[in-house]
Amino acid sequence: MTEEQFKLFLKSLKGIERKLAWAWIVVAVLVIVSIFFGYRMVQTQQYWAAAQSELDSAKQAAENANAERNEIQKKLDEATSELKSVQSQLADTQSRLEATQSELESAEQAPDQAKAQVAELENRVASLKSELEKAIAQRNILQTKLRKLGYH
């Protein structure tokens, strides 16, 4: 190999070294970019995993809340039904109470009416006694007149 060839060979090696240096730089940049995007991808996956976990927890909480709401609604329906039953019983009892009060008022008025009737009958008896006494007195007067006239 001649000197000139050797120089050309060295020059070509320097060119290859430069290209190799640039290749290493490119590889390093690609490794750094890959690491950066890989890290970002891992962060994103962790974020989505946390979000999915939170979503699952929220779904479970919603299911529990719905179950609790359904249980409360069932108890409310039972209480409403019981309230309606009690209201119906109260209305029946109130109706019977009003009927009993009406009977009681009638029963309370009965003695007053009876007293009024007794007083009216007593007045009538007194009036009839008075008329009877007058009639007896007139009969006695007439009998006395008849005896004086000779009719026995």
Foldseek 3Di string as FASTA:
>chain_A
DDPVVVVVVVVVVVVVVVVVVVVVVVVVVVVVVCVVVVVVVVVVVVVVVVVVVVVVVVVVVVVVVVVVVVVVVVVVVVVVVVVVVVVVVVVVVVVVVVVVVVVVVVVVVVVVVVVVVVVVVVVVVVVVVVVVVVVVVVVVVVVVVCVVVPND
